[in-house]
N, C-alpha and C. Protein backbone atom coordinates (compact mmCIF):
# COMPACT_ATOMS: atom_id res chain seq x y z
N MET A 1 -13.57 6.42 11.40
CA MET A 1 -12.74 5.48 10.66
C MET A 1 -13.32 5.32 9.26
N PRO A 2 -12.48 5.36 8.23
CA PRO A 2 -12.96 5.21 6.85
C PRO A 2 -13.52 3.82 6.60
N THR A 3 -14.46 3.75 5.68
CA THR A 3 -15.03 2.46 5.31
C THR A 3 -14.06 1.71 4.40
N THR A 4 -14.33 0.42 4.23
CA THR A 4 -13.49 -0.40 3.35
C THR A 4 -13.51 0.15 1.93
N ALA A 5 -14.67 0.61 1.48
CA ALA A 5 -14.78 1.17 0.12
C ALA A 5 -13.90 2.41 -0.03
N GLU A 6 -13.89 3.26 1.00
CA GLU A 6 -13.05 4.47 0.95
C GLU A 6 -11.57 4.10 0.93
N LEU A 7 -11.21 3.12 1.75
CA LEU A 7 -9.81 2.68 1.77
C LEU A 7 -9.40 2.10 0.43
N ARG A 8 -10.28 1.30 -0.17
CA ARG A 8 -9.98 0.72 -1.49
C ARG A 8 -9.85 1.82 -2.56
N ALA A 9 -10.68 2.85 -2.47
CA ALA A 9 -10.61 3.96 -3.42
C ALA A 9 -9.28 4.69 -3.29
N ARG A 10 -8.85 4.92 -2.04
CA ARG A 10 -7.55 5.56 -1.82
C ARG A 10 -6.41 4.72 -2.38
N ARG A 11 -6.50 3.40 -2.13
CA ARG A 11 -5.45 2.50 -2.63
C ARG A 11 -5.40 2.51 -4.15
N GLU A 12 -6.56 2.49 -4.78
CA GLU A 12 -6.62 2.51 -6.25
C GLU A 12 -6.02 3.82 -6.78
N THR A 13 -6.34 4.93 -6.14
CA THR A 13 -5.78 6.22 -6.55
C THR A 13 -4.26 6.21 -6.44
N LEU A 14 -3.74 5.68 -5.34
CA LEU A 14 -2.29 5.59 -5.17
C LEU A 14 -1.65 4.71 -6.24
N ALA A 15 -2.29 3.57 -6.52
CA ALA A 15 -1.73 2.64 -7.51
C ALA A 15 -1.70 3.28 -8.90
N VAL A 16 -2.75 4.01 -9.25
CA VAL A 16 -2.79 4.68 -10.57
C VAL A 16 -1.72 5.76 -10.64
N GLN A 17 -1.61 6.56 -9.59
CA GLN A 17 -0.61 7.62 -9.59
C GLN A 17 0.81 7.04 -9.63
N ARG A 18 1.02 5.94 -8.92
CA ARG A 18 2.34 5.31 -8.91
C ARG A 18 2.73 4.85 -10.30
N SER A 19 1.79 4.22 -10.99
CA SER A 19 2.09 3.71 -12.33
C SER A 19 2.28 4.83 -13.34
N SER A 20 1.70 6.00 -13.07
CA SER A 20 1.86 7.11 -14.00
C SER A 20 3.11 7.94 -13.70
N GLY A 21 3.74 7.68 -12.55
CA GLY A 21 4.95 8.40 -12.20
C GLY A 21 4.70 9.72 -11.50
N VAL A 22 3.45 10.02 -11.17
CA VAL A 22 3.11 11.26 -10.48
C VAL A 22 3.20 11.03 -8.98
N ALA A 23 3.84 11.95 -8.28
CA ALA A 23 4.04 11.79 -6.85
C ALA A 23 3.07 12.63 -6.03
N ARG A 24 2.00 13.12 -6.63
CA ARG A 24 0.99 13.92 -5.92
C ARG A 24 -0.35 13.21 -6.04
N VAL A 25 -0.98 12.97 -4.90
CA VAL A 25 -2.25 12.25 -4.88
C VAL A 25 -3.28 13.10 -4.15
N SER A 26 -4.49 13.18 -4.72
CA SER A 26 -5.58 13.93 -4.08
C SER A 26 -6.77 13.01 -3.85
N TYR A 27 -7.34 13.09 -2.65
CA TYR A 27 -8.57 12.37 -2.32
C TYR A 27 -9.22 13.07 -1.14
N ASP A 28 -10.52 13.01 -1.07
CA ASP A 28 -11.30 13.62 0.00
C ASP A 28 -10.94 15.09 0.22
N GLY A 29 -10.61 15.81 -0.85
CA GLY A 29 -10.25 17.22 -0.72
C GLY A 29 -8.87 17.46 -0.15
N LYS A 30 -8.07 16.42 0.00
CA LYS A 30 -6.71 16.55 0.53
C LYS A 30 -5.71 16.19 -0.56
N THR A 31 -4.56 16.84 -0.52
CA THR A 31 -3.49 16.53 -1.46
C THR A 31 -2.25 16.12 -0.69
N VAL A 32 -1.64 15.03 -1.11
CA VAL A 32 -0.43 14.54 -0.46
C VAL A 32 0.67 14.45 -1.51
N ASP A 33 1.84 15.02 -1.19
CA ASP A 33 3.00 14.93 -2.06
C ASP A 33 3.94 13.88 -1.49
N TYR A 34 4.28 12.89 -2.32
CA TYR A 34 5.20 11.84 -1.91
C TYR A 34 6.57 12.14 -2.49
N ARG A 35 7.62 11.79 -1.74
CA ARG A 35 8.98 12.09 -2.18
C ARG A 35 9.53 11.06 -3.14
N SER A 36 9.02 9.83 -3.06
CA SER A 36 9.58 8.78 -3.90
C SER A 36 8.55 7.68 -4.13
N VAL A 37 8.86 6.80 -5.06
CA VAL A 37 8.01 5.65 -5.35
C VAL A 37 7.98 4.72 -4.13
N VAL A 38 9.09 4.63 -3.42
CA VAL A 38 9.16 3.79 -2.22
C VAL A 38 8.15 4.27 -1.18
N GLU A 39 8.04 5.58 -1.04
CA GLU A 39 7.08 6.14 -0.08
C GLU A 39 5.64 5.81 -0.49
N ILE A 40 5.36 5.86 -1.78
CA ILE A 40 4.03 5.49 -2.28
C ILE A 40 3.78 4.00 -2.01
N ASP A 41 4.79 3.16 -2.25
CA ASP A 41 4.66 1.73 -1.98
C ASP A 41 4.34 1.47 -0.51
N ARG A 42 4.99 2.20 0.37
CA ARG A 42 4.72 2.04 1.81
C ARG A 42 3.28 2.45 2.14
N ALA A 43 2.82 3.52 1.51
CA ALA A 43 1.43 3.96 1.75
C ALA A 43 0.45 2.91 1.26
N ILE A 44 0.74 2.29 0.11
CA ILE A 44 -0.13 1.23 -0.43
C ILE A 44 -0.13 0.04 0.53
N GLU A 45 1.04 -0.34 1.04
CA GLU A 45 1.12 -1.45 1.99
C GLU A 45 0.34 -1.14 3.26
N ALA A 46 0.42 0.09 3.74
CA ALA A 46 -0.32 0.48 4.94
C ALA A 46 -1.83 0.39 4.69
N LEU A 47 -2.26 0.83 3.51
CA LEU A 47 -3.68 0.72 3.17
C LEU A 47 -4.10 -0.74 3.05
N ASP A 48 -3.25 -1.58 2.49
CA ASP A 48 -3.55 -3.02 2.42
C ASP A 48 -3.78 -3.59 3.82
N ARG A 49 -2.94 -3.18 4.78
CA ARG A 49 -3.11 -3.66 6.15
C ARG A 49 -4.40 -3.14 6.76
N GLU A 50 -4.74 -1.87 6.52
CA GLU A 50 -5.98 -1.31 7.05
C GLU A 50 -7.20 -2.01 6.45
N ILE A 51 -7.15 -2.28 5.15
CA ILE A 51 -8.25 -2.97 4.49
C ILE A 51 -8.41 -4.37 5.07
N ALA A 52 -7.30 -5.08 5.23
CA ALA A 52 -7.35 -6.43 5.78
C ALA A 52 -7.92 -6.42 7.20
N THR A 53 -7.50 -5.46 8.00
CA THR A 53 -8.01 -5.35 9.37
C THR A 53 -9.51 -5.06 9.37
N ALA A 54 -9.94 -4.15 8.50
CA ALA A 54 -11.36 -3.81 8.42
C ALA A 54 -12.21 -5.00 7.99
N GLU A 55 -11.62 -5.87 7.18
CA GLU A 55 -12.33 -7.06 6.70
C GLU A 55 -12.14 -8.26 7.61
N GLY A 56 -11.39 -8.10 8.70
CA GLY A 56 -11.17 -9.17 9.65
C GLY A 56 -10.15 -10.19 9.18
N ARG A 57 -9.27 -9.79 8.26
CA ARG A 57 -8.22 -10.68 7.76
C ARG A 57 -6.88 -10.24 8.32
N ARG A 58 -5.92 -11.14 8.24
CA ARG A 58 -4.54 -10.82 8.57
C ARG A 58 -3.70 -10.98 7.32
N ILE A 59 -2.74 -10.11 7.15
CA ILE A 59 -1.79 -10.28 6.05
C ILE A 59 -0.64 -11.11 6.59
N VAL A 60 -0.45 -12.26 6.01
CA VAL A 60 0.60 -13.17 6.45
C VAL A 60 1.77 -13.07 5.49
N ARG A 61 2.91 -12.78 6.04
CA ARG A 61 4.12 -12.71 5.23
C ARG A 61 5.08 -13.75 5.76
N GLN A 62 5.69 -14.49 4.86
CA GLN A 62 6.65 -15.50 5.27
C GLN A 62 7.98 -15.25 4.56
N VAL A 63 9.03 -15.44 5.31
CA VAL A 63 10.37 -15.36 4.75
C VAL A 63 11.01 -16.71 5.01
N ARG A 64 11.44 -17.37 3.97
CA ARG A 64 12.09 -18.66 4.11
C ARG A 64 13.54 -18.54 3.67
N ALA A 65 14.40 -18.98 4.52
CA ALA A 65 15.82 -18.94 4.20
C ALA A 65 16.33 -20.38 4.07
N THR A 66 17.07 -20.63 3.00
CA THR A 66 17.69 -21.93 2.83
C THR A 66 19.18 -21.72 2.64
N THR A 67 19.94 -22.62 3.18
CA THR A 67 21.40 -22.52 3.03
C THR A 67 21.97 -23.86 2.64
N THR A 68 23.08 -23.81 2.01
CA THR A 68 23.83 -25.02 1.67
C THR A 68 25.32 -24.74 1.88
N LYS A 69 26.05 -25.77 2.00
CA LYS A 69 27.50 -25.61 2.14
C LYS A 69 28.17 -25.58 0.77
N GLY A 70 27.40 -25.77 -0.26
CA GLY A 70 27.95 -25.72 -1.60
C GLY A 70 28.75 -26.94 -1.99
N LEU A 71 28.49 -28.06 -1.35
CA LEU A 71 29.24 -29.27 -1.66
C LEU A 71 28.63 -30.01 -2.80
């Protein structure tokens, strides 16, 4: 299992490549081609979850819905 530092390095590489518009990322001698920015975003989210798990944290997401009758 990769260390937290390795996971953070991968995440940083993905974030830099995403902001530059390049869809090819290389780390640890491996190259990954992503099809879209959405796919890169999903990879970053997955790494965020792995980092949180390795650090003993949980990522809490909340969705709040409010409605009115418009009166």
